[in-house]
Amino acid sequence: VAEDPRSLHDVHGPWEHQGLAEQHALAGATTSLL
């Protein structure tokens, strides 16, 4: 997301819990279309 937020059209991952704060940070920051 930080490097290229416009290129997350159809993405995979993550498959592991990222951490108590990190899981929520990713959920709020991701820009995926699918």
PDB file of all heavy atoms in Angstrom:
ATOM      1  N   VAL A   1       0.840  -1.200   0.000  1.00  0.00           N
ATOM      2  CA  VAL A   1       0.000   0.000   0.000  1.00  0.00           C
ATOM      3  C   VAL A   1       0.871   1.246   0.000  1.00  0.00           C
ATOM      4  O   VAL A   1       0.603   2.223  -0.716  1.00  0.00           O
ATOM      5  CB  VAL A   1      -0.949  -0.007   1.214  1.00  0.00           C
ATOM      6  CG1 VAL A   1      -1.707   1.317   1.309  1.00  0.00           C
ATOM      7  CG2 VAL A   1      -1.929  -1.170   1.130  1.00  0.00           C
ATOM      8  N   ALA A   2       1.928   1.235   0.803  1.00  0.00           N
ATOM      9  CA  ALA A   2       2.807   2.403   0.882  1.00  0.00           C
ATOM     10  C   ALA A   2       3.561   2.639  -0.417  1.00  0.00           C
ATOM     11  O   ALA A   2       3.759   3.787  -0.835  1.00  0.00           O
ATOM     12  CB  ALA A   2       3.788   2.225   2.041  1.00  0.00           C
ATOM     13  N   GLU A   3       3.983   1.561  -1.075  1.00  0.00           N
ATOM     14  CA  GLU A   3       4.798   1.696  -2.276  1.00  0.00           C
ATOM     15  C   GLU A   3       3.985   2.024  -3.518  1.00  0.00           C
ATOM     16  O   GLU A   3       4.419   2.821  -4.364  1.00  0.00           O
ATOM     17  CB  GLU A   3       5.582   0.395  -2.510  1.00  0.00           C
ATOM     18  CG  GLU A   3       6.643   0.134  -1.459  1.00  0.00           C
ATOM     19  CD  GLU A   3       7.218  -1.271  -1.583  1.00  0.00           C
ATOM     20  OE1 GLU A   3       6.891  -1.967  -2.576  1.00  0.00           O
ATOM     21  OE2 GLU A   3       7.976  -1.678  -0.681  1.00  0.00           O
ATOM     22  N   ASP A   4       2.793   1.400  -3.640  1.00  0.00           N
ATOM     23  CA  ASP A   4       2.033   1.562  -4.891  1.00  0.00           C
ATOM     24  C   ASP A   4       0.548   1.309  -4.642  1.00  0.00           C
ATOM     25  O   ASP A   4      -0.001   0.296  -5.072  1.00  0.00           O
ATOM     26  CB  ASP A   4       2.577   0.581  -5.940  1.00  0.00           C
ATOM     27  CG  ASP A   4       2.058   0.882  -7.334  1.00  0.00           C
ATOM     28  OD1 ASP A   4       1.307   1.863  -7.490  1.00  0.00           O
ATOM     29  OD2 ASP A   4       2.404   0.126  -8.263  1.00  0.00           O
ATOM     30  N   PRO A   5      -0.128   2.234  -3.957  1.00  0.00           N
ATOM     31  CA  PRO A   5      -1.518   1.975  -3.555  1.00  0.00           C
ATOM     32  C   PRO A   5      -2.481   1.815  -4.720  1.00  0.00           C
ATOM     33  O   PRO A   5      -3.543   1.211  -4.558  1.00  0.00           O
ATOM     34  CB  PRO A   5      -1.867   3.209  -2.718  1.00  0.00           C
ATOM     35  CG  PRO A   5      -0.922   4.270  -3.167  1.00  0.00           C
ATOM     36  CD  PRO A   5       0.348   3.549  -3.509  1.00  0.00           C
ATOM     37  N   ARG A   6      -2.152   2.316  -5.913  1.00  0.00           N
ATOM     38  CA  ARG A   6      -3.049   2.228  -7.057  1.00  0.00           C
ATOM     39  C   ARG A   6      -2.951   0.905  -7.805  1.00  0.00           C
ATOM     40  O   ARG A   6      -3.699   0.683  -8.761  1.00  0.00           O
ATOM     41  CB  ARG A   6      -2.787   3.389  -8.026  1.00  0.00           C
ATOM     42  CG  ARG A   6      -3.099   4.757  -7.425  1.00  0.00           C
ATOM     43  CD  ARG A   6      -2.903   5.875  -8.453  1.00  0.00           C
ATOM     44  NE  ARG A   6      -3.223   7.169  -7.888  1.00  0.00           N
ATOM     45  CZ  ARG A   6      -4.443   7.692  -7.845  1.00  0.00           C
ATOM     46  NH1 ARG A   6      -5.467   7.019  -8.347  1.00  0.00           N
ATOM     47  NH2 ARG A   6      -4.650   8.881  -7.313  1.00  0.00           N
ATOM     48  N   SER A   7      -2.046   0.034  -7.391  1.00  0.00           N
ATOM     49  CA  SER A   7      -1.852  -1.227  -8.120  1.00  0.00           C
ATOM     50  C   SER A   7      -2.420  -2.435  -7.388  1.00  0.00           C
ATOM     51  O   SER A   7      -2.155  -3.570  -7.784  1.00  0.00           O
ATOM     52  CB  SER A   7      -0.359  -1.451  -8.390  1.00  0.00           C
ATOM     53  OG  SER A   7       0.112  -0.517  -9.330  1.00  0.00           O
ATOM     54  N   LEU A   8      -3.180  -2.216  -6.330  1.00  0.00           N
ATOM     55  CA  LEU A   8      -3.785  -3.339  -5.612  1.00  0.00           C
ATOM     56  C   LEU A   8      -5.189  -3.580  -6.152  1.00  0.00           C
ATOM     57  O   LEU A   8      -6.194  -3.398  -5.460  1.00  0.00           O
ATOM     58  CB  LEU A   8      -3.828  -3.059  -4.100  1.00  0.00           C
ATOM     59  CG  LEU A   8      -2.555  -3.378  -3.320  1.00  0.00           C
ATOM     60  CD1 LEU A   8      -1.445  -2.407  -3.668  1.00  0.00           C
ATOM     61  CD2 LEU A   8      -2.819  -3.340  -1.823  1.00  0.00           C
ATOM     62  N   HIS A   9      -5.266  -3.998  -7.439  1.00  0.00           N
ATOM     63  CA  HIS A   9      -6.574  -4.249  -8.042  1.00  0.00           C
ATOM     64  C   HIS A   9      -7.159  -5.548  -7.505  1.00  0.00           C
ATOM     65  O   HIS A   9      -8.237  -5.566  -6.923  1.00  0.00           O
ATOM     66  CB  HIS A   9      -6.440  -4.332  -9.565  1.00  0.00           C
ATOM     67  CG  HIS A   9      -5.892  -3.091 -10.182  1.00  0.00           C
ATOM     68  ND1 HIS A   9      -5.481  -3.041 -11.491  1.00  0.00           N
ATOM     69  CD2 HIS A   9      -5.674  -1.849  -9.674  1.00  0.00           C
ATOM     70  CE1 HIS A   9      -5.047  -1.826 -11.765  1.00  0.00           C
ATOM     71  NE2 HIS A   9      -5.146  -1.091 -10.677  1.00  0.00           N
ATOM     72  N   ASP A  10      -6.445  -6.648  -7.713  1.00  0.00           N
ATOM     73  CA  ASP A  10      -6.876  -7.978  -7.266  1.00  0.00           C
ATOM     74  C   ASP A  10      -5.686  -8.575  -6.540  1.00  0.00           C
ATOM     75  O   ASP A  10      -4.643  -8.825  -7.154  1.00  0.00           O
ATOM     76  CB  ASP A  10      -7.292  -8.822  -8.468  1.00  0.00           C
ATOM     77  CG  ASP A  10      -7.566 -10.278  -8.114  1.00  0.00           C
ATOM     78  OD1 ASP A  10      -7.771 -10.571  -6.927  1.00  0.00           O
ATOM     79  OD2 ASP A  10      -7.578 -11.111  -9.036  1.00  0.00           O
ATOM     80  N   VAL A  11      -5.814  -8.784  -5.217  1.00  0.00           N
ATOM     81  CA  VAL A  11      -4.654  -9.136  -4.400  1.00  0.00           C
ATOM     82  C   VAL A  11      -4.934 -10.375  -3.551  1.00  0.00           C
ATOM     83  O   VAL A  11      -6.084 -10.755  -3.324  1.00  0.00           O
ATOM     84  CB  VAL A  11      -4.270  -7.965  -3.466  1.00  0.00           C
ATOM     85  CG1 VAL A  11      -3.761  -6.781  -4.267  1.00  0.00           C
ATOM     86  CG2 VAL A  11      -5.451  -7.551  -2.590  1.00  0.00           C
ATOM     87  N   HIS A  12      -3.843 -10.991  -3.095  1.00  0.00           N
ATOM     88  CA  HIS A  12      -3.893 -12.080  -2.125  1.00  0.00           C
ATOM     89  C   HIS A  12      -3.139 -11.680  -0.863  1.00  0.00           C
ATOM     90  O   HIS A  12      -2.232 -10.863  -0.912  1.00  0.00           O
ATOM     91  CB  HIS A  12      -3.240 -13.343  -2.702  1.00  0.00           C
ATOM     92  CG  HIS A  12      -4.100 -14.091  -3.652  1.00  0.00           C
ATOM     93  ND1 HIS A  12      -3.753 -15.335  -4.145  1.00  0.00           N
ATOM     94  CD2 HIS A  12      -5.301 -13.799  -4.213  1.00  0.00           C
ATOM     95  CE1 HIS A  12      -4.701 -15.766  -4.975  1.00  0.00           C
ATOM     96  NE2 HIS A  12      -5.642 -14.847  -5.029  1.00  0.00           N
ATOM     97  N   GLY A  13      -3.541 -12.284   0.260  1.00  0.00           N
ATOM     98  CA  GLY A  13      -2.822 -12.132   1.510  1.00  0.00           C
ATOM     99  C   GLY A  13      -3.410 -11.070   2.418  1.00  0.00           C
ATOM    100  O   GLY A  13      -4.276 -10.299   2.016  1.00  0.00           O
ATOM    101  N   PRO A  14      -2.924 -11.051   3.657  1.00  0.00           N
ATOM    102  CA  PRO A  14      -1.979 -12.007   4.246  1.00  0.00           C
ATOM    103  C   PRO A  14      -2.687 -13.279   4.701  1.00  0.00           C
ATOM    104  O   PRO A  14      -3.912 -13.344   4.682  1.00  0.00           O
ATOM    105  CB  PRO A  14      -1.426 -11.233   5.445  1.00  0.00           C
ATOM    106  CG  PRO A  14      -2.573 -10.370   5.875  1.00  0.00           C
ATOM    107  CD  PRO A  14      -3.282  -9.977   4.605  1.00  0.00           C
ATOM    108  N   TRP A  15      -1.887 -14.263   5.126  1.00  0.00           N
ATOM    109  CA  TRP A  15      -2.428 -15.538   5.610  1.00  0.00           C
ATOM    110  C   TRP A  15      -2.064 -15.779   7.075  1.00  0.00           C
ATOM    111  O   TRP A  15      -2.384 -16.813   7.623  1.00  0.00           O
ATOM    112  CB  TRP A  15      -1.911 -16.706   4.769  1.00  0.00           C
ATOM    113  CG  TRP A  15      -2.329 -16.617   3.343  1.00  0.00           C
ATOM    114  CD1 TRP A  15      -3.442 -17.168   2.774  1.00  0.00           C
ATOM    115  CD2 TRP A  15      -1.652 -15.939   2.281  1.00  0.00           C
ATOM    116  NE1 TRP A  15      -3.502 -16.871   1.433  1.00  0.00           N
ATOM    117  CE2 TRP A  15      -2.410 -16.113   1.098  1.00  0.00           C
ATOM    118  CE3 TRP A  15      -0.482 -15.187   2.207  1.00  0.00           C
ATOM    119  CZ2 TRP A  15      -2.033 -15.573  -0.125  1.00  0.00           C
ATOM    120  CZ3 TRP A  15      -0.103 -14.648   0.989  1.00  0.00           C
ATOM    121  CH2 TRP A  15      -0.880 -14.843  -0.168  1.00  0.00           C
ATOM    122  N   GLU A  16      -1.363 -14.845   7.672  1.00  0.00           N
ATOM    123  CA  GLU A  16      -1.011 -14.936   9.083  1.00  0.00           C
ATOM    124  C   GLU A  16      -1.490 -13.672   9.787  1.00  0.00           C
ATOM    125  O   GLU A  16      -1.525 -12.589   9.202  1.00  0.00           O
ATOM    126  CB  GLU A  16       0.516 -15.060   9.275  1.00  0.00           C
ATOM    127  CG  GLU A  16       1.128 -16.277   8.616  1.00  0.00           C
ATOM    128  CD  GLU A  16       1.569 -16.003   7.189  1.00  0.00           C
ATOM    129  OE1 GLU A  16       1.502 -14.827   6.766  1.00  0.00           O
ATOM    130  OE2 GLU A  16       1.969 -16.951   6.502  1.00  0.00           O
ATOM    131  N   HIS A  17      -1.866 -13.814  11.035  1.00  0.00           N
ATOM    132  CA  HIS A  17      -2.264 -12.652  11.841  1.00  0.00           C
ATOM    133  C   HIS A  17      -1.074 -11.696  11.898  1.00  0.00           C
ATOM    134  O   HIS A  17       0.040 -12.077  12.239  1.00  0.00           O
ATOM    135  CB  HIS A  17      -2.662 -13.098  13.248  1.00  0.00           C
ATOM    136  CG  HIS A  17      -3.514 -12.107  13.972  1.00  0.00           C
ATOM    137  ND1 HIS A  17      -3.048 -10.857  14.344  1.00  0.00           N
ATOM    138  CD2 HIS A  17      -4.804 -12.169  14.416  1.00  0.00           C
ATOM    139  CE1 HIS A  17      -4.010 -10.196  14.968  1.00  0.00           C
ATOM    140  NE2 HIS A  17      -5.087 -10.966  15.024  1.00  0.00           N
ATOM    141  N   GLN A  18      -1.314 -10.431  11.593  1.00  0.00           N
ATOM    142  CA  GLN A  18      -0.229  -9.456  11.489  1.00  0.00           C
ATOM    143  C   GLN A  18       0.150  -8.834  12.832  1.00  0.00           C
ATOM    144  O   GLN A  18       1.207  -8.217  12.951  1.00  0.00           O
ATOM    145  CB  GLN A  18      -0.636  -8.341  10.526  1.00  0.00           C
ATOM    146  CG  GLN A  18      -0.994  -8.837   9.134  1.00  0.00           C
ATOM    147  CD  GLN A  18       0.196  -9.477   8.439  1.00  0.00           C
ATOM    148  OE1 GLN A  18       1.124  -8.783   8.017  1.00  0.00           O
ATOM    149  NE2 GLN A  18       0.189 -10.796   8.339  1.00  0.00           N
ATOM    150  N   GLY A  19      -0.700  -8.980  13.841  1.00  0.00           N
ATOM    151  CA  GLY A  19      -0.465  -8.344  15.134  1.00  0.00           C
ATOM    152  C   GLY A  19      -1.707  -7.581  15.551  1.00  0.00           C
ATOM    153  O   GLY A  19      -2.538  -7.214  14.714  1.00  0.00           O
ATOM    154  N   LEU A  20      -1.845  -7.317  16.846  1.00  0.00           N
ATOM    155  CA  LEU A  20      -3.072  -6.696  17.338  1.00  0.00           C
ATOM    156  C   LEU A  20      -3.328  -5.343  16.686  1.00  0.00           C
ATOM    157  O   LEU A  20      -4.451  -5.044  16.279  1.00  0.00           O
ATOM    158  CB  LEU A  20      -3.007  -6.545  18.862  1.00  0.00           C
ATOM    159  CG  LEU A  20      -3.015  -7.849  19.662  1.00  0.00           C
ATOM    160  CD1 LEU A  20      -2.994  -7.567  21.156  1.00  0.00           C
ATOM    161  CD2 LEU A  20      -4.215  -8.722  19.300  1.00  0.00           C
ATOM    162  N   ALA A  21      -2.305  -4.512  16.561  1.00  0.00           N
ATOM    163  CA  ALA A  21      -2.476  -3.218  15.898  1.00  0.00           C
ATOM    164  C   ALA A  21      -2.320  -3.346  14.390  1.00  0.00           C
ATOM    165  O   ALA A  21      -3.050  -2.714  13.621  1.00  0.00           O
ATOM    166  CB  ALA A  21      -1.476  -2.208  16.452  1.00  0.00           C
ATOM    167  N   GLU A  22      -1.382  -4.176  13.950  1.00  0.00           N
ATOM    168  CA  GLU A  22      -1.076  -4.271  12.530  1.00  0.00           C
ATOM    169  C   GLU A  22      -2.235  -4.841  11.710  1.00  0.00           C
ATOM    170  O   GLU A  22      -2.442  -4.434  10.563  1.00  0.00           O
ATOM    171  CB  GLU A  22       0.177  -5.133  12.328  1.00  0.00           C
ATOM    172  CG  GLU A  22       1.459  -4.515  12.862  1.00  0.00           C
ATOM    173  CD  GLU A  22       1.656  -4.711  14.362  1.00  0.00           C
ATOM    174  OE1 GLU A  22       0.743  -5.290  15.022  1.00  0.00           O
ATOM    175  OE2 GLU A  22       2.705  -4.294  14.894  1.00  0.00           O
ATOM    176  N   GLN A  23      -3.001  -5.772  12.278  1.00  0.00           N
ATOM    177  CA  GLN A  23      -4.147  -6.338  11.560  1.00  0.00           C
ATOM    178  C   GLN A  23      -5.168  -5.237  11.261  1.00  0.00           C
ATOM    179  O   GLN A  23      -5.725  -5.161  10.164  1.00  0.00           O
ATOM    180  CB  GLN A  23      -4.784  -7.456  12.383  1.00  0.00           C
ATOM    181  CG  GLN A  23      -5.768  -8.321  11.637  1.00  0.00           C
ATOM    182  CD  GLN A  23      -5.095  -9.439  10.832  1.00  0.00           C
ATOM    183  OE1 GLN A  23      -3.874  -9.473  10.685  1.00  0.00           O
ATOM    184  NE2 GLN A  23      -5.888 -10.362  10.312  1.00  0.00           N
ATOM    185  N   HIS A  24      -5.407  -4.385  12.238  1.00  0.00           N
ATOM    186  CA  HIS A  24      -6.364  -3.290  12.058  1.00  0.00           C
ATOM    187  C   HIS A  24      -5.801  -2.218  11.132  1.00  0.00           C
ATOM    188  O   HIS A  24      -6.553  -1.620  10.349  1.00  0.00           O
ATOM    189  CB  HIS A  24      -6.742  -2.706  13.416  1.00  0.00           C
ATOM    190  CG  HIS A  24      -7.626  -3.597  14.219  1.00  0.00           C
ATOM    191  ND1 HIS A  24      -8.994  -3.448  14.271  1.00  0.00           N
ATOM    192  CD2 HIS A  24      -7.331  -4.686  14.986  1.00  0.00           C
ATOM    193  CE1 HIS A  24      -9.506  -4.392  15.056  1.00  0.00           C
ATOM    194  NE2 HIS A  24      -8.526  -5.148  15.500  1.00  0.00           N
ATOM    195  N   ALA A  25      -4.505  -1.969  11.211  1.00  0.00           N
ATOM    196  CA  ALA A  25      -3.891  -0.981  10.322  1.00  0.00           C
ATOM    197  C   ALA A  25      -4.034  -1.409   8.870  1.00  0.00           C
ATOM    198  O   ALA A  25      -4.371  -0.593   7.995  1.00  0.00           O
ATOM    199  CB  ALA A  25      -2.420  -0.789  10.688  1.00  0.00           C
ATOM    200  N   LEU A  26      -3.783  -2.691   8.582  1.00  0.00           N
ATOM    201  CA  LEU A  26      -3.910  -3.177   7.208  1.00  0.00           C
ATOM    202  C   LEU A  26      -5.361  -3.102   6.745  1.00  0.00           C
ATOM    203  O   LEU A  26      -5.636  -2.686   5.609  1.00  0.00           O
ATOM    204  CB  LEU A  26      -3.397  -4.614   7.107  1.00  0.00           C
ATOM    205  CG  LEU A  26      -3.517  -5.270   5.738  1.00  0.00           C
ATOM    206  CD1 LEU A  26      -2.757  -4.486   4.682  1.00  0.00           C
ATOM    207  CD2 LEU A  26      -3.026  -6.719   5.785  1.00  0.00           C
ATOM    208  N   ALA A  27      -6.303  -3.491   7.601  1.00  0.00           N
ATOM    209  CA  ALA A  27      -7.719  -3.440   7.227  1.00  0.00           C
ATOM    210  C   ALA A  27      -8.147  -2.023   6.875  1.00  0.00           C
ATOM    211  O   ALA A  27      -9.000  -1.820   6.005  1.00  0.00           O
ATOM    212  CB  ALA A  27      -8.581  -3.983   8.369  1.00  0.00           C
ATOM    213  N   GLY A  28      -7.556  -1.032   7.531  1.00  0.00           N
ATOM    214  CA  GLY A  28      -7.927   0.344   7.268  1.00  0.00           C
ATOM    215  C   GLY A  28      -7.180   0.982   6.116  1.00  0.00           C
ATOM    216  O   GLY A  28      -7.649   1.982   5.561  1.00  0.00           O
ATOM    217  N   ALA A  29      -6.031   0.412   5.744  1.00  0.00           N
ATOM    218  CA  ALA A  29      -5.181   1.058   4.737  1.00  0.00           C
ATOM    219  C   ALA A  29      -5.296   0.449   3.351  1.00  0.00           C
ATOM    220  O   ALA A  29      -5.011   1.114   2.356  1.00  0.00           O
ATOM    221  CB  ALA A  29      -3.715   1.001   5.188  1.00  0.00           C
ATOM    222  N   THR A  30      -5.689  -0.818   3.250  1.00  0.00           N
ATOM    223  CA  THR A  30      -5.657  -1.490   1.952  1.00  0.00           C
ATOM    224  C   THR A  30      -6.546  -0.785   0.924  1.00  0.00           C
ATOM    225  O   THR A  30      -7.571  -0.188   1.288  1.00  0.00           O
ATOM    226  CB  THR A  30      -6.074  -2.963   2.089  1.00  0.00           C
ATOM    227  OG1 THR A  30      -5.946  -3.618   0.819  1.00  0.00           O
ATOM    228  CG2 THR A  30      -7.515  -3.080   2.544  1.00  0.00           C
ATOM    229  N   THR A  31      -6.141  -0.867  -0.328  1.00  0.00           N
ATOM    230  CA  THR A  31      -6.865  -0.193  -1.408  1.00  0.00           C
ATOM    231  C   THR A  31      -7.375  -1.174  -2.456  1.00  0.00           C
ATOM    232  O   THR A  31      -7.704  -0.788  -3.571  1.00  0.00           O
ATOM    233  CB  THR A  31      -5.943   0.833  -2.097  1.00  0.00           C
ATOM    234  OG1 THR A  31      -4.759   0.163  -2.555  1.00  0.00           O
ATOM    235  CG2 THR A  31      -5.545   1.946  -1.137  1.00  0.00           C
ATOM    236  N   SER A  32      -7.458  -2.445  -2.112  1.00  0.00           N
ATOM    237  CA  SER A  32      -7.807  -3.471  -3.095  1.00  0.00           C
ATOM    238  C   SER A  32      -9.209  -3.277  -3.647  1.00  0.00           C
ATOM    239  O   SER A  32     -10.113  -2.824  -2.958  1.00  0.00           O
ATOM    240  CB  SER A  32      -7.688  -4.866  -2.482  1.00  0.00           C
ATOM    241  OG  SER A  32      -8.661  -5.047  -1.472  1.00  0.00           O
ATOM    242  N   LEU A  33      -9.371  -3.648  -4.918  1.00  0.00           N
ATOM    243  CA  LEU A  33     -10.682  -3.703  -5.546  1.00  0.00           C
ATOM    244  C   LEU A  33     -11.318  -5.079  -5.341  1.00  0.00           C
ATOM    245  O   LEU A  33     -12.528  -5.196  -5.193  1.00  0.00           O
ATOM    246  CB  LEU A  33     -10.570  -3.418  -7.041  1.00  0.00           C
ATOM    247  CG  LEU A  33      -9.866  -2.123  -7.446  1.00  0.00           C
ATOM    248  CD1 LEU A  33      -9.843  -1.990  -8.962  1.00  0.00           C
ATOM    249  CD2 LEU A  33     -10.539  -0.924  -6.819  1.00  0.00           C
ATOM    250  N   LEU A  34     -10.494  -6.123  -5.370  1.00  0.00           N
ATOM    251  CA  LEU A  34     -10.929  -7.502  -5.116  1.00  0.00           C
ATOM    252  C   LEU A  34      -9.888  -8.163  -4.234  1.00  0.00           C
ATOM    253  O   LEU A  34      -8.702  -8.181  -4.577  1.00  0.00           O
ATOM    254  CB  LEU A  34     -11.094  -8.277  -6.426  1.00  0.00           C
ATOM    255  CG  LEU A  34     -11.448  -9.767  -6.302  1.00  0.00           C
ATOM    256  CD1 LEU A  34     -12.796  -9.944  -5.616  1.00  0.00           C
ATOM    257  CD2 LEU A  34     -11.458 -10.435  -7.684  1.00  0.00           C
TER     258      LEU A  34
END
